Amino acid sequence: MSLKRSLILAFAGLLTVLGILSATFAYISASSEAWDMMDAQQNQIARFAANGPLLQTPVNALPGFEAEDDFVVDIADKNSGAHFRSHSGVTLPKELIGGFSAFTDTNGEWRLYTLVTEARIVRVAQPVAARNDIAADSALGATLPFLFAIPVSWLLITALVAAVIRRLTIVADTVNQKTPGDTTPIATDDAPLEIRPLINAVNGALARQQSALEQQSDFLANAAHELRTPLAAIGLQIGNLKSVAKEPVVIERIKELESGAKRAAALTDQLLRLARQEASGSKASNEIVSLNETLSAVIAGLQPLANERRIDLALPLLQPFKTRGYQADIHVALETLLDNAIRYSQAGSKVEVTIQQNKNQVVLTVTDNGPGIVKSDLPHVFERFYRAAGQENPGSGLGLAIAKMIADRNRLTITLANRKDGHGLIATI
C-alpha cells in the first residue's frame, strides 16, 4: 500500500472515530439535557397549579388535546375537596410519592412529578415516549454537525495528504527522470526535512556509482586504446602475408585471419567509443544541430560500404531541419542506424531515410530490407553485447547500446520495429 493511501486511511480512521465519539457524546448530552428541561417544565407546571386557581374546565372543552403527547395535570384541593384532572383517560397511581416517579397504564409508561403543599396535591405526568421523541430530536440536531463533519474531514485529509505527498512526488519524479548514467546529486533545498536523510543516502549511492562508472570507463578506454596498436600491427602483418601467399589454402586462411582482425578492430573502436560516451557525462546540450549537414556527413562516410554491398541509399529532398543536442552524439547515432541498415539489408536492395516535422518534433526514420528482429528480442536489442537470434553478420552488440545512451543523454527517443510487410526493420529517432 502506498504511503499516501496509508496516511489518508490512518487520519480518516482517526477522525472518523473521534467524530463518532463526539457525536455519541453530543447525542447523550443533548438527550440528557432534554430530559432535564422537561423535568423542569413538570416542576414549573406543578408549582403554578399549586398556587393558582382551581380550574373547572371539562376535558372535552380542551381542543385538540391528546394525552399521549402532552402533560396530564391532576389537582386535588384539600380544603374544598375539589378535584381537577386534564385527561380522564389516564389512571394515576393512588400512592403519593413526592418528586419524580414512574408508572404505567394502558397508554404506556409515564414520568410523574408529585408536589404536595398545605392546600393542594398536584401531580403532573408526561408520556415517556413523548419525552424520548423530543429528546431524540434534540439529540439528533446536536449530532448531525458531527456526522456531516466526518465525510468532510475525509475530503480535507485527502487534499492535505495529497499536498504533502506532492512534495515527495517532486523528489520521486526527479529520481525517476534520471537516466542510467546520470549521477547528478538530487537537490535537497525544497525537500521536506524528514526525507533529507534518504536523499543524502541516495546521493551517496549516486556518488559511489559515479566513481565506479569512472573507473570502469577509464579501464575500458585504456584497454581499448592499448589494443588499437597491436591490432594495427596485426593488420599490417596480415597485409604482408597476403602479398607473399601463393597457395589457395594459405590465402583462404589469411582471409579468415583478416576478417577476425577486422572484427577485433571494430570491437575495439566501439569499446573506445562507448568509454568516451560514458566519460562525456549525461547532461543534455542546447547546441543547435543541423540534421541536413550531419546526415550528409554520415552518408558520405558510409557510401563506400553501400557501394560495396550494392545498396541504394534513398534520401528525400532535405529541408533545413534542426534539433538540439551534441552534434558528435547525433552523428554517431545516425551512423550506427545507417551502418546497421546497410550491413543487414540484402545485397542490391534499398535503404530509405525519411525526415519529417511532427508538431514540435523532428522524426527521422531508417527503413531497411533486412531480416528484421524476432519480436521477443526487440525489448533487449539496446542492451550491451546483446545479439538478436538469427543474426549472421558479425557484430558485438554494442552499436545500439551506444545509440540508446546517446538518445537518453540528448533527450531523444529511439525505437526499432519490424516492417508490417515482414521484410526489414524501421528505426526511428
Protein backbone atom coordinates (compact mmCIF):
# COMPACT_ATOMS: atom_id res chain seq x y z
CA MET A 1 0.00 0.00 0.00
CA SER A 2 1.28 3.45 -0.87
CA LEU A 3 2.34 5.97 1.78
CA LYS A 4 -0.33 8.39 0.56
CA ARG A 5 -3.13 5.85 0.94
CA SER A 6 -1.81 4.72 4.32
CA LEU A 7 -1.78 8.29 5.65
CA ILE A 8 -5.25 9.01 4.29
CA LEU A 9 -6.69 5.84 5.81
CA ALA A 10 -4.93 6.44 9.14
CA PHE A 11 -6.07 10.07 9.50
CA ALA A 12 -9.53 9.38 8.10
CA GLY A 13 -9.96 6.47 10.52
CA LEU A 14 -8.78 8.59 13.45
CA LEU A 15 -11.10 11.48 12.59
CA THR A 16 -13.98 9.06 11.98
CA VAL A 17 -13.54 7.52 15.44
CA LEU A 18 -13.28 10.98 17.02
CA GLY A 19 -16.34 12.12 15.08
CA ILE A 20 -18.38 9.10 16.16
CA LEU A 21 -17.31 9.53 19.80
CA SER A 22 -18.14 13.24 19.66
CA ALA A 23 -21.49 12.52 18.02
CA THR A 24 -22.27 9.88 20.64
CA PHE A 25 -21.35 12.27 23.47
CA ALA A 26 -23.42 15.03 21.87
CA TYR A 27 -26.37 12.68 21.48
CA ILE A 28 -26.25 11.50 25.10
CA SER A 29 -25.65 15.02 26.40
CA ALA A 30 -28.46 16.57 24.34
CA SER A 31 -30.83 13.76 25.31
CA SER A 32 -29.99 14.24 28.99
CA GLU A 33 -30.47 18.00 28.73
CA ALA A 34 -33.84 17.47 27.05
CA TRP A 35 -34.96 15.26 29.92
CA ASP A 36 -33.72 17.82 32.45
CA MET A 37 -35.61 20.56 30.61
CA MET A 38 -38.84 18.55 30.59
CA ASP A 39 -38.39 17.72 34.29
CA ALA A 40 -38.10 21.46 34.93
CA GLN A 41 -41.26 22.05 32.92
CA GLN A 42 -43.17 19.50 35.00
CA ASN A 43 -41.86 21.15 38.15
CA GLN A 44 -42.94 24.61 36.95
CA ILE A 45 -46.38 23.39 35.90
CA ALA A 46 -46.87 21.76 39.30
CA ARG A 47 -45.83 24.92 41.19
CA PHE A 48 -48.05 27.11 39.05
CA ALA A 49 -51.04 24.80 39.56
CA ALA A 50 -50.38 24.63 43.32
CA ASN A 51 -50.59 28.43 43.68
CA GLY A 52 -53.19 29.22 41.05
CA PRO A 53 -56.98 28.97 40.96
CA LEU A 54 -58.63 25.56 40.58
CA LEU A 55 -59.81 25.19 37.04
CA GLN A 56 -63.20 23.59 36.36
CA THR A 57 -62.96 23.35 32.57
CA PRO A 58 -64.27 19.96 31.37
CA VAL A 59 -61.92 17.69 29.43
CA ASN A 60 -63.89 17.85 26.16
CA ALA A 61 -63.50 21.65 26.14
CA LEU A 62 -59.71 21.37 25.55
CA PRO A 63 -59.29 21.50 21.73
CA GLY A 64 -57.01 19.01 20.01
CA PHE A 65 -55.70 17.50 23.21
CA GLU A 66 -54.03 14.09 23.12
CA ALA A 67 -52.92 12.72 26.44
CA GLU A 68 -50.20 10.51 24.93
CA ASP A 69 -48.37 13.56 23.52
CA ASP A 70 -48.78 16.14 26.28
CA PHE A 71 -48.74 16.71 30.02
CA VAL A 72 -51.57 15.37 32.20
CA VAL A 73 -52.27 17.61 35.20
CA ASP A 74 -54.14 16.35 38.28
CA ILE A 75 -55.03 18.86 41.07
CA ALA A 76 -56.72 17.96 44.34
CA ASP A 77 -57.72 20.78 46.76
CA LYS A 78 -57.52 19.65 50.40
CA ASN A 79 -59.76 22.41 51.77
CA SER A 80 -62.68 22.38 49.35
CA GLY A 81 -62.33 18.80 48.19
CA ALA A 82 -62.43 19.98 44.59
CA HIS A 83 -60.59 17.84 42.06
CA PHE A 84 -59.40 18.52 38.53
CA ARG A 85 -57.73 16.27 36.00
CA SER A 86 -56.88 17.40 32.48
CA HIS A 87 -57.49 13.97 30.97
CA SER A 88 -59.78 11.39 32.45
CA GLY A 89 -58.40 8.56 30.33
CA VAL A 90 -55.16 8.40 32.31
CA THR A 91 -55.12 6.39 35.53
CA LEU A 92 -52.72 7.85 38.03
CA PRO A 93 -51.36 5.69 40.86
CA LYS A 94 -53.12 6.02 44.23
CA GLU A 95 -49.85 6.05 46.18
CA LEU A 96 -48.39 9.50 46.60
CA ILE A 97 -44.62 9.72 46.15
CA GLY A 98 -43.14 13.19 46.30
CA GLY A 99 -40.92 14.31 43.48
CA PHE A 100 -40.35 12.29 40.33
CA SER A 101 -41.53 8.72 39.86
CA ALA A 102 -42.78 6.48 37.11
CA PHE A 103 -45.92 4.46 36.45
CA THR A 104 -47.51 2.53 33.64
CA ASP A 105 -51.10 2.38 32.45
CA THR A 106 -52.91 1.32 29.29
CA ASN A 107 -51.42 4.31 27.46
CA GLY A 108 -47.86 3.26 28.18
CA GLU A 109 -45.08 4.38 30.51
CA TRP A 110 -45.30 7.79 32.23
CA ARG A 111 -42.97 10.05 34.19
CA LEU A 112 -44.82 11.61 37.14
CA TYR A 113 -43.97 14.62 39.28
CA THR A 114 -45.86 14.99 42.55
CA LEU A 115 -45.97 18.25 44.59
CA VAL A 116 -47.73 18.20 47.98
CA THR A 117 -48.49 21.55 49.66
CA GLU A 118 -50.66 22.53 52.66
CA ALA A 119 -53.60 23.30 50.36
CA ARG A 120 -53.20 21.08 47.32
CA ILE A 121 -51.79 17.91 45.85
CA VAL A 122 -50.56 18.49 42.29
CA ARG A 123 -49.40 15.73 40.01
CA VAL A 124 -48.04 16.30 36.51
CA ALA A 125 -47.49 13.30 34.24
CA GLN A 126 -45.84 13.10 30.79
CA PRO A 127 -45.59 10.10 28.44
CA VAL A 128 -42.06 8.66 28.33
CA ALA A 129 -42.48 8.04 24.59
CA ALA A 130 -43.14 11.76 24.02
CA ARG A 131 -40.11 12.59 26.13
CA ASN A 132 -37.98 10.19 24.12
CA ASP A 133 -39.16 11.69 20.83
CA ILE A 134 -38.35 15.21 21.99
CA ALA A 135 -35.00 14.10 23.39
CA ALA A 136 -34.17 12.20 20.17
CA ASP A 137 -35.00 15.22 18.01
CA SER A 138 -32.85 17.46 20.19
CA ALA A 139 -30.01 14.95 20.29
CA LEU A 140 -30.14 14.38 16.55
CA GLY A 141 -29.86 18.12 15.95
CA ALA A 142 -26.74 18.18 18.11
CA THR A 143 -25.32 15.09 16.42
CA LEU A 144 -25.83 15.98 12.75
CA PRO A 145 -22.95 18.52 12.56
CA PHE A 146 -20.52 15.86 13.75
CA LEU A 147 -21.90 13.26 11.33
CA PHE A 148 -21.66 15.79 8.50
CA ALA A 149 -18.11 16.69 9.53
CA ILE A 150 -16.89 13.08 9.13
CA PRO A 151 -17.11 12.87 5.29
CA VAL A 152 -15.94 16.49 5.04
CA SER A 153 -12.87 15.55 7.09
CA TRP A 154 -12.18 12.71 4.65
CA LEU A 155 -12.07 15.17 1.76
CA LEU A 156 -9.89 17.60 3.69
CA ILE A 157 -7.50 14.86 4.79
CA THR A 158 -7.22 13.59 1.20
CA ALA A 159 -6.42 17.11 -0.04
CA LEU A 160 -3.92 17.82 2.74
CA VAL A 161 -2.12 14.49 2.41
CA ALA A 162 -2.01 14.93 -1.37
CA ALA A 163 -0.43 18.36 -0.87
CA VAL A 164 2.19 16.90 1.48
CA ILE A 165 2.87 13.87 -0.71
CA ARG A 166 3.21 16.16 -3.73
CA ARG A 167 6.47 17.42 -2.24
CA LEU A 168 7.67 13.83 -2.04
CA THR A 169 6.44 13.21 -5.58
CA ILE A 170 8.64 16.03 -6.87
CA VAL A 171 11.67 14.28 -5.42
CA ALA A 172 10.47 10.92 -6.77
CA ASP A 173 9.97 12.42 -10.25
CA THR A 174 13.49 13.84 -10.11
CA VAL A 175 14.87 10.38 -9.37
CA ASN A 176 12.60 8.73 -11.92
CA GLN A 177 13.73 11.06 -14.70
CA LYS A 178 17.37 10.19 -14.21
CA THR A 179 18.96 8.18 -16.97
CA PRO A 180 21.12 5.16 -16.09
CA GLY A 181 24.30 7.20 -16.42
CA ASP A 182 23.04 10.34 -14.69
CA THR A 183 24.68 10.52 -11.27
CA THR A 184 23.97 14.21 -10.59
CA PRO A 185 23.12 14.67 -6.89
CA ILE A 186 19.49 15.34 -6.02
CA ALA A 187 18.87 18.82 -4.60
CA THR A 188 17.64 18.90 -1.00
CA ASP A 189 16.73 22.60 -0.77
CA ASP A 190 13.00 22.15 -1.35
CA ALA A 191 12.72 18.64 0.08
CA PRO A 192 10.97 18.02 3.43
CA LEU A 193 13.35 17.74 6.36
CA GLU A 194 12.12 14.22 7.15
CA ILE A 195 13.29 12.75 3.83
CA ARG A 196 16.56 14.65 3.51
CA PRO A 197 18.50 11.79 5.15
CA LEU A 198 17.06 9.47 2.50
CA ILE A 199 18.02 11.89 -0.29
CA ASN A 200 21.51 12.20 1.16
CA ALA A 201 21.79 8.41 1.20
CA VAL A 202 20.67 8.26 -2.44
CA ASN A 203 23.19 10.97 -3.34
CA GLY A 204 25.88 8.94 -1.60
CA ALA A 205 24.92 5.89 -3.67
CA LEU A 206 24.99 8.02 -6.83
CA ALA A 207 28.44 9.30 -5.94
CA ARG A 208 29.69 5.74 -5.45
CA GLN A 209 28.08 4.74 -8.74
CA GLN A 210 29.76 7.68 -10.46
CA SER A 211 33.12 6.63 -9.07
CA ALA A 212 32.57 3.05 -10.24
CA LEU A 213 31.48 4.22 -13.68
CA GLU A 214 34.53 6.43 -13.99
CA GLN A 215 36.83 3.56 -13.04
CA GLN A 216 35.05 1.26 -15.48
CA SER A 217 35.17 3.87 -18.22
CA ASP A 218 38.85 4.56 -17.61
CA PHE A 219 39.67 0.86 -17.73
CA LEU A 220 37.60 0.41 -20.89
CA ALA A 221 39.21 3.39 -22.60
CA ASN A 222 42.72 2.36 -21.60
CA ALA A 223 42.20 -1.24 -22.67
CA ALA A 224 40.67 -0.25 -26.00
CA HIS A 225 43.38 2.31 -26.63
CA GLU A 226 46.13 -0.18 -25.83
CA LEU A 227 44.58 -2.78 -28.13
CA ARG A 228 44.48 -0.47 -31.15
CA THR A 229 48.25 -0.51 -31.66
CA PRO A 230 48.76 -4.31 -31.65
CA LEU A 231 45.65 -4.76 -33.80
CA ALA A 232 47.01 -2.27 -36.30
CA ALA A 233 50.30 -4.16 -36.30
CA ILE A 234 48.43 -7.44 -36.86
CA GLY A 235 46.64 -5.83 -39.79
CA LEU A 236 49.96 -4.82 -41.33
CA GLN A 237 51.40 -8.29 -40.85
CA ILE A 238 48.32 -9.82 -42.47
CA GLY A 239 48.81 -7.48 -45.41
CA ASN A 240 52.43 -8.61 -45.69
CA LEU A 241 51.36 -12.26 -45.61
CA LYS A 242 48.79 -11.67 -48.34
CA SER A 243 51.46 -10.27 -50.63
CA VAL A 244 53.64 -13.41 -50.40
CA ALA A 245 50.99 -16.10 -50.05
CA LYS A 246 50.66 -18.31 -53.14
CA GLU A 247 48.80 -21.44 -52.13
CA PRO A 248 44.95 -21.25 -52.16
CA VAL A 249 44.65 -22.88 -48.72
CA VAL A 250 47.02 -20.32 -47.18
CA ILE A 251 45.21 -17.46 -48.93
CA GLU A 252 41.86 -18.68 -47.54
CA ARG A 253 43.28 -18.95 -44.04
CA ILE A 254 44.73 -15.44 -44.29
CA LYS A 255 41.29 -14.12 -45.33
CA GLU A 256 39.77 -15.68 -42.25
CA LEU A 257 42.53 -14.20 -40.11
CA GLU A 258 41.98 -10.79 -41.71
CA SER A 259 38.23 -10.99 -41.07
CA GLY A 260 38.84 -11.80 -37.40
CA ALA A 261 41.33 -8.95 -37.06
CA LYS A 262 38.82 -6.52 -38.60
CA ARG A 263 36.13 -7.68 -36.17
CA ALA A 264 38.54 -7.22 -33.27
CA ALA A 265 39.46 -3.74 -34.51
CA ALA A 266 35.79 -2.82 -34.94
CA LEU A 267 35.02 -4.06 -31.42
CA THR A 268 37.95 -2.06 -30.05
CA ASP A 269 36.67 1.08 -31.78
CA GLN A 270 33.19 0.53 -30.33
CA LEU A 271 34.56 -0.05 -26.85
CA LEU A 272 36.57 3.14 -27.10
CA ARG A 273 33.51 4.99 -28.39
CA LEU A 274 31.43 3.59 -25.51
CA ALA A 275 34.03 4.70 -22.98
CA ARG A 276 34.08 8.19 -24.47
CA GLN A 277 30.30 8.41 -24.35
CA GLU A 278 30.26 7.40 -20.69
CA ALA A 279 33.06 9.80 -19.85
CA SER A 280 31.30 12.72 -21.56
CA GLY A 281 28.56 12.72 -18.91
CA SER A 282 24.79 12.65 -19.13
CA LYS A 283 23.89 16.33 -19.29
CA ALA A 284 21.96 17.36 -22.39
CA SER A 285 23.20 20.13 -24.66
CA ASN A 286 21.27 23.04 -26.15
CA GLU A 287 23.59 23.20 -29.14
CA ILE A 288 21.73 23.71 -32.42
CA VAL A 289 22.47 20.77 -34.76
CA SER A 290 21.73 20.82 -38.49
CA LEU A 291 20.36 17.40 -39.36
CA ASN A 292 20.98 18.04 -43.07
CA GLU A 293 24.69 18.56 -42.63
CA THR A 294 25.04 15.74 -40.09
CA LEU A 295 23.15 13.24 -42.23
CA SER A 296 25.11 14.22 -45.33
CA ALA A 297 28.39 13.66 -43.47
CA VAL A 298 27.20 10.25 -42.21
CA ILE A 299 26.11 9.14 -45.68
CA ALA A 300 29.38 10.30 -47.21
CA GLY A 301 31.30 8.15 -44.73
CA LEU A 302 29.11 5.08 -45.35
CA GLN A 303 28.79 5.40 -49.12
CA PRO A 304 31.77 3.08 -49.82
CA LEU A 305 30.14 0.33 -47.72
CA ALA A 306 26.83 0.89 -49.52
CA ASN A 307 28.53 0.70 -52.90
CA GLU A 308 30.33 -2.48 -51.90
CA ARG A 309 27.02 -4.13 -51.00
CA ARG A 310 25.19 -2.51 -53.92
CA ILE A 311 22.78 -0.78 -51.52
CA ASP A 312 20.78 2.16 -52.83
CA LEU A 313 20.57 4.91 -50.19
CA ALA A 314 17.19 6.57 -50.91
CA LEU A 315 17.12 10.06 -49.42
CA PRO A 316 14.33 12.64 -49.58
CA LEU A 317 14.80 16.23 -50.61
CA LEU A 318 16.16 17.51 -47.34
CA GLN A 319 14.61 20.59 -45.79
CA PRO A 320 16.56 22.65 -43.25
CA PHE A 321 15.72 20.54 -40.20
CA LYS A 322 17.43 21.41 -36.93
CA THR A 323 17.44 19.96 -33.43
CA ARG A 324 19.20 20.46 -30.11
CA GLY A 325 21.92 18.22 -28.71
CA TYR A 326 25.55 17.28 -29.16
CA GLN A 327 26.41 17.26 -32.86
CA ALA A 328 29.00 14.50 -32.39
CA ASP A 329 26.49 12.37 -30.50
CA ILE A 330 23.80 12.69 -33.16
CA HIS A 331 26.38 11.88 -35.84
CA VAL A 332 27.30 8.64 -34.04
CA ALA A 333 23.64 7.66 -33.51
CA LEU A 334 22.71 8.21 -37.16
CA GLU A 335 25.88 6.44 -38.31
CA THR A 336 25.02 3.42 -36.13
CA LEU A 337 21.49 3.10 -37.51
CA LEU A 338 22.54 3.56 -41.14
CA ASP A 339 25.52 1.23 -40.78
CA ASN A 340 23.25 -1.50 -39.37
CA ALA A 341 20.68 -0.93 -42.10
CA ILE A 342 23.33 -1.27 -44.85
CA ARG A 343 25.00 -4.32 -43.33
CA TYR A 344 21.80 -6.25 -42.67
CA SER A 345 19.97 -5.38 -45.90
CA GLN A 346 20.09 -7.81 -48.77
CA ALA A 347 22.69 -7.04 -51.41
CA GLY A 348 21.21 -5.00 -54.23
CA SER A 349 18.30 -3.69 -52.09
CA LYS A 350 17.46 -0.21 -50.81
CA VAL A 351 17.78 1.66 -47.51
CA GLU A 352 15.36 4.56 -47.20
CA VAL A 353 15.84 7.57 -44.93
CA THR A 354 12.98 10.00 -44.22
CA ILE A 355 12.77 13.15 -42.11
CA GLN A 356 9.54 14.93 -41.27
CA GLN A 357 8.25 17.54 -38.86
CA ASN A 358 5.64 16.31 -36.36
CA LYS A 359 4.35 19.32 -34.38
CA ASN A 360 7.35 20.36 -32.26
CA GLN A 361 9.38 17.23 -33.02
CA VAL A 362 11.58 16.13 -35.88
CA VAL A 363 11.16 12.43 -36.68
CA LEU A 364 13.88 10.59 -38.64
CA THR A 365 13.34 7.01 -39.84
CA VAL A 366 15.70 4.50 -41.42
CA THR A 367 13.99 1.61 -43.23
CA ASP A 368 15.95 -1.40 -44.49
CA ASN A 369 15.19 -4.66 -46.29
CA GLY A 370 16.94 -6.99 -43.88
CA PRO A 371 15.61 -9.97 -41.92
CA GLY A 372 14.16 -7.85 -39.12
CA ILE A 373 14.30 -8.83 -35.46
CA VAL A 374 12.35 -11.52 -33.67
CA LYS A 375 9.57 -9.86 -31.64
CA SER A 376 10.79 -11.37 -28.35
CA ASP A 377 14.26 -9.86 -28.95
CA LEU A 378 13.09 -6.30 -29.61
CA PRO A 379 12.96 -5.25 -25.91
CA HIS A 380 16.59 -6.39 -25.44
CA VAL A 381 18.38 -5.06 -28.53
CA PHE A 382 19.55 -1.93 -26.70
CA GLU A 383 21.31 -3.97 -24.02
CA ARG A 384 25.10 -4.14 -24.19
CA PHE A 385 26.55 -7.15 -26.01
CA TYR A 386 23.06 -8.47 -26.79
CA ARG A 387 22.81 -10.18 -30.17
CA ALA A 388 19.38 -10.96 -31.56
CA ALA A 389 18.73 -14.53 -32.66
CA GLY A 390 19.40 -15.46 -36.26
CA GLN A 391 21.96 -12.72 -36.96
CA GLU A 392 24.61 -13.91 -39.40
CA ASN A 393 26.53 -10.65 -39.84
CA PRO A 394 29.45 -10.16 -37.45
CA GLY A 395 28.91 -7.71 -34.63
CA SER A 396 29.50 -7.08 -30.94
CA GLY A 397 26.06 -5.95 -29.75
CA LEU A 398 27.37 -2.55 -28.70
CA GLY A 399 26.22 -0.27 -31.52
CA LEU A 400 22.59 0.04 -30.50
CA ALA A 401 23.56 0.29 -26.82
CA ILE A 402 25.71 3.30 -27.67
CA ALA A 403 22.91 4.80 -29.78
CA LYS A 404 20.46 4.39 -26.87
CA MET A 405 22.92 6.03 -24.48
CA ILE A 406 23.23 8.96 -26.87
CA ALA A 407 19.47 9.23 -27.24
CA ASP A 408 18.94 9.34 -23.48
CA ARG A 409 21.57 11.99 -22.98
CA ASN A 410 20.20 14.22 -25.75
CA ARG A 411 16.53 13.83 -24.76
CA LEU A 412 15.81 11.79 -27.88
CA THR A 413 13.64 8.72 -28.31
CA ILE A 414 14.92 5.81 -30.36
CA THR A 415 12.75 2.80 -31.28
CA LEU A 416 13.01 -0.26 -33.51
CA ALA A 417 10.07 -2.02 -35.15
CA ASN A 418 9.67 -4.67 -37.83
CA ARG A 419 8.10 -3.60 -41.08
CA LYS A 420 4.46 -4.59 -41.46
CA ASP A 421 5.25 -6.45 -44.69
CA GLY A 422 7.77 -8.56 -42.76
CA HIS A 423 10.77 -7.57 -44.94
CA GLY A 424 13.01 -5.36 -42.87
CA LEU A 425 13.29 -3.07 -39.91
CA ILE A 426 12.27 0.54 -39.20
CA ALA A 427 14.49 2.53 -36.86
CA THR A 428 13.01 5.79 -35.61
CA ILE A 429 14.60 8.75 -33.78
